[in-house]
Protein backbone atom coordinates (compact mmCIF):
# COMPACT_ATOMS: atom_id res chain seq x y z
CA MET A 1 -123.87 3.96 -36.89
CA ASP A 2 -126.85 6.30 -36.56
CA TYR A 3 -127.63 7.85 -33.19
CA VAL A 4 -131.38 7.99 -32.47
CA ALA A 5 -132.30 9.19 -28.96
CA THR A 6 -131.35 9.34 -25.29
CA CYS A 7 -133.33 8.86 -22.09
CA LYS A 8 -132.66 8.45 -18.38
CA LEU A 9 -132.53 4.88 -17.04
CA PRO A 10 -132.80 4.49 -13.25
CA THR A 11 -131.20 1.26 -12.02
CA PRO A 12 -130.53 -0.14 -8.53
CA TRP A 13 -127.00 1.30 -8.72
CA ALA A 14 -127.27 4.66 -10.50
CA VAL A 15 -129.34 6.70 -12.92
CA PHE A 16 -127.68 6.02 -16.25
CA SER A 17 -128.28 7.68 -19.60
CA LEU A 18 -129.51 5.18 -22.21
CA HIS A 19 -128.64 5.94 -25.84
CA ALA A 20 -130.13 4.20 -28.88
CA PHE A 21 -128.20 3.54 -32.10
CA VAL A 22 -129.13 1.78 -35.34
CA SER A 23 -126.69 0.25 -37.78
CA PRO A 24 -127.56 1.44 -41.31
CA GLU A 25 -125.78 -1.63 -42.70
CA SER A 26 -127.65 -4.33 -40.78
CA GLY A 27 -130.62 -2.48 -39.29
CA LYS A 28 -129.66 -3.85 -35.88
CA GLU A 29 -130.41 -1.75 -32.83
CA HIS A 30 -127.71 -1.31 -30.16
CA VAL A 31 -127.65 0.73 -26.97
CA ALA A 32 -125.10 2.43 -24.76
CA MET A 33 -125.43 3.15 -21.06
CA THR A 34 -123.32 6.05 -19.83
CA LEU A 35 -122.62 7.70 -16.50
CA GLY A 36 -120.68 10.84 -15.68
CA ASP A 37 -118.55 13.09 -17.85
CA LEU A 38 -116.99 11.08 -20.65
CA SER A 39 -115.45 14.06 -22.43
CA THR A 40 -112.33 14.30 -20.25
CA THR A 41 -108.99 12.87 -21.33
CA GLU A 42 -108.96 10.17 -18.64
CA PRO A 43 -109.48 6.60 -19.91
CA VAL A 44 -113.07 5.48 -19.42
CA LEU A 45 -114.12 2.37 -17.51
CA ALA A 46 -116.05 0.37 -20.10
CA ARG A 47 -117.78 -2.90 -20.85
CA VAL A 48 -118.66 -4.19 -24.32
CA HIS A 49 -121.44 -6.66 -23.62
CA SER A 50 -123.09 -8.92 -26.17
CA GLU A 51 -126.78 -9.61 -25.70
CA CYS A 52 -127.62 -12.77 -23.73
CA LEU A 53 -131.35 -12.99 -23.22
CA THR A 54 -131.12 -16.18 -21.18
CA GLY A 55 -128.43 -14.82 -18.85
CA ASP A 56 -129.26 -11.11 -18.79
CA ALA A 57 -133.06 -11.33 -18.53
CA LEU A 58 -133.97 -14.93 -17.63
CA PHE A 59 -131.34 -15.41 -14.89
CA SER A 60 -129.72 -18.47 -16.49
CA GLN A 61 -126.88 -20.01 -14.52
CA ARG A 62 -125.50 -21.78 -17.62
CA CYS A 63 -123.24 -18.81 -18.32
CA ASP A 64 -121.72 -15.82 -16.53
CA CYS A 65 -123.26 -13.17 -18.79
CA GLY A 66 -125.96 -11.74 -16.54
CA ALA A 67 -123.60 -11.61 -13.57
CA GLN A 68 -120.97 -9.84 -15.71
CA LEU A 69 -123.53 -7.29 -16.88
CA GLU A 70 -124.59 -6.54 -13.32
CA ALA A 71 -121.01 -6.41 -12.02
CA ALA A 72 -119.99 -4.03 -14.81
CA LEU A 73 -122.86 -1.64 -14.10
CA GLN A 74 -122.06 -1.75 -10.39
CA ALA A 75 -118.40 -0.96 -11.10
CA ILE A 76 -119.31 1.97 -13.33
CA ALA A 77 -121.75 3.27 -10.70
CA ALA A 78 -119.12 2.96 -7.96
CA GLU A 79 -116.65 4.94 -10.06
CA GLY A 80 -119.28 7.48 -11.09
CA ARG A 81 -118.14 7.43 -14.70
CA GLY A 82 -118.17 4.91 -17.51
CA VAL A 83 -119.87 3.39 -20.53
CA LEU A 84 -121.45 0.04 -21.30
CA LEU A 85 -122.12 -0.86 -24.93
CA TYR A 86 -124.90 -3.45 -25.24
CA LEU A 87 -124.60 -5.12 -28.62
CA ARG A 88 -127.43 -7.14 -30.15
CA GLN A 89 -125.50 -10.26 -31.13
CA GLU A 90 -127.08 -13.09 -29.19
CA GLY A 91 -125.34 -16.43 -28.80
CA ARG A 92 -121.92 -15.24 -29.97
CA GLY A 93 -123.63 -13.99 -33.10
CA ILE A 94 -125.72 -17.05 -34.05
CA GLY A 95 -129.08 -15.74 -32.81
CA LEU A 96 -131.48 -16.80 -30.07
CA VAL A 97 -133.08 -19.85 -31.74
CA ASN A 98 -129.73 -21.30 -32.77
CA LYS A 99 -128.40 -20.57 -29.30
CA ILE A 100 -131.20 -22.70 -27.82
CA ARG A 101 -130.40 -25.41 -30.35
CA ALA A 102 -126.76 -25.21 -29.18
CA TYR A 103 -127.91 -25.50 -25.57
CA SER A 104 -129.83 -28.65 -26.51
CA LEU A 105 -126.62 -30.14 -27.90
CA GLN A 106 -124.83 -29.13 -24.71
CA ASP A 107 -127.50 -30.99 -22.72
CA GLU A 108 -126.41 -34.06 -24.70
CA GLY A 109 -122.75 -33.56 -23.78
CA ALA A 110 -121.25 -31.11 -26.29
CA ASP A 111 -119.34 -28.12 -24.97
CA THR A 112 -120.16 -24.58 -26.09
CA VAL A 113 -117.62 -24.59 -28.94
CA GLU A 114 -118.52 -28.08 -30.17
CA ALA A 115 -122.23 -27.21 -30.17
CA ASN A 116 -121.75 -24.18 -32.40
CA VAL A 117 -119.52 -26.12 -34.79
CA ARG A 118 -122.03 -28.99 -35.02
CA LEU A 119 -124.67 -26.45 -36.02
CA GLY A 120 -122.38 -25.18 -38.79
CA PHE A 121 -121.16 -21.99 -37.10
CA PRO A 122 -117.74 -20.77 -35.99
CA ALA A 123 -117.13 -20.76 -32.23
CA ASP A 124 -117.65 -16.99 -32.15
CA MET A 125 -119.27 -14.85 -34.88
CA ARG A 126 -119.45 -11.58 -32.97
CA ARG A 127 -118.34 -8.32 -34.59
CA TYR A 128 -117.09 -5.21 -32.86
CA ASP A 129 -116.87 -2.70 -35.72
CA VAL A 130 -119.97 -0.92 -34.40
CA CYS A 131 -118.17 0.03 -31.19
CA ARG A 132 -115.92 2.75 -32.56
CA PRO A 133 -118.67 5.01 -33.97
CA MET A 134 -120.70 4.55 -30.78
CA LEU A 135 -117.72 5.55 -28.63
CA GLU A 136 -116.86 8.44 -30.94
CA HIS A 137 -120.38 9.79 -30.38
CA PHE A 138 -119.41 10.34 -26.73
CA GLY A 139 -115.88 11.54 -27.46
CA VAL A 140 -114.37 8.45 -25.82
CA THR A 141 -110.88 7.61 -27.11
CA GLN A 142 -109.35 5.36 -24.42
CA LEU A 143 -110.87 2.45 -22.50
CA ARG A 144 -110.20 0.54 -19.33
CA LEU A 145 -112.04 -2.50 -20.57
CA MET A 146 -113.84 -4.92 -18.27
CA THR A 147 -113.38 -8.33 -19.91
CA ASN A 148 -111.73 -11.73 -19.63
CA ASN A 149 -111.65 -12.21 -23.40
CA PRO A 150 -108.36 -11.55 -25.23
CA ARG A 151 -110.09 -11.72 -28.63
CA LYS A 152 -112.36 -8.85 -27.64
CA VAL A 153 -109.36 -6.70 -26.68
CA ASP A 154 -107.67 -7.53 -29.98
CA ALA A 155 -110.84 -6.90 -32.01
CA LEU A 156 -111.40 -3.49 -30.45
CA ARG A 157 -107.80 -2.49 -31.07
CA GLU A 158 -108.06 -3.69 -34.67
CA ASN A 159 -111.05 -1.36 -35.03
CA GLY A 160 -109.01 1.62 -33.86
CA ILE A 161 -110.10 1.67 -30.22
CA GLU A 162 -107.34 2.24 -27.67
CA VAL A 163 -107.59 -0.23 -24.79
CA VAL A 164 -105.13 1.05 -22.21
CA ALA A 165 -105.96 -1.47 -19.48
CA ARG A 166 -107.95 -4.64 -18.94
CA VAL A 167 -110.08 -4.99 -15.83
CA PRO A 168 -110.90 -8.65 -14.94
CA LEU A 169 -114.60 -9.47 -14.61
CA GLN A 170 -114.73 -12.88 -12.98
CA VAL A 171 -118.08 -13.74 -11.43
CA ASN A 172 -120.77 -16.40 -11.06
CA ARG A 173 -118.95 -19.70 -11.11
CA ASN A 174 -121.55 -22.32 -10.18
CA ARG A 175 -122.28 -26.01 -10.63
CA TYR A 176 -124.20 -25.39 -13.86
CA ASN A 177 -121.54 -23.39 -15.70
CA GLU A 178 -118.20 -24.88 -14.62
CA GLY A 179 -117.84 -26.75 -17.93
CA TYR A 180 -118.77 -23.62 -19.89
CA LEU A 181 -116.18 -21.54 -18.03
CA GLN A 182 -113.53 -24.23 -18.45
CA THR A 183 -114.21 -24.34 -22.20
CA LYS A 184 -113.87 -20.56 -22.46
CA ALA A 185 -110.48 -20.77 -20.74
CA ALA A 186 -109.17 -23.88 -22.51
CA LYS A 187 -110.54 -23.40 -26.06
CA MET A 188 -111.09 -19.65 -26.35
CA GLY A 189 -108.17 -18.40 -24.27
CA HIS A 190 -110.13 -16.41 -21.70
CA TRP A 191 -107.98 -14.98 -18.94
CA PHE A 192 -108.96 -16.82 -15.80
CA ASN A 193 -108.19 -19.93 -13.83
CA LEU A 194 -111.41 -21.72 -12.94
CA ALA A 195 -110.01 -22.72 -9.54
CA ASP A 196 -109.49 -19.05 -8.67
CA LEU A 197 -113.10 -18.03 -9.36
CA PRO A 198 -115.31 -17.70 -6.31
CA GLU A 199 -118.06 -20.30 -6.39
CA ASN A 200 -121.72 -19.35 -6.00
CA PRO A 201 -124.07 -21.85 -4.38
């Protein structure tokens, strides 16, 4: 993973540092947002967030991605220290156009896993091997990871990243994404009970 440049990024919650990286293998561009001193030995509050244009930028209520991104940045700002890795792997790795095709199948009744499979993809194609070199750039060795996804915890550990604690990130249950959240819990093993999630109007 090749580091490229850093700039300041003012947000509603804090002024983060934004760092650009490029994968020499794939040519994909990824970014990290950092706050505070990451060089200490204390585990770092962290989020590994996969790109979701529809949720992160277009305010879609079909998923919980944008709300998780915002909640993670707010949590890091409140703590005054942390890192968010923003990975360019849209639609669980299938790309934006195929993600929209999957959404079309969901409009016809398929769930998120069934839609990917009907398009010829696994339920989740995301990779996390880029995370370790990005974290090593900042000297980060231990994470308190904000996630509900057990596979993400396992994948990071398999890539040599020490996850010492998991921090739940349960937000944005609404009438448009209840089926999506239920599928994540029932078919992908995500750690939450839909009935326990606060419901947004």
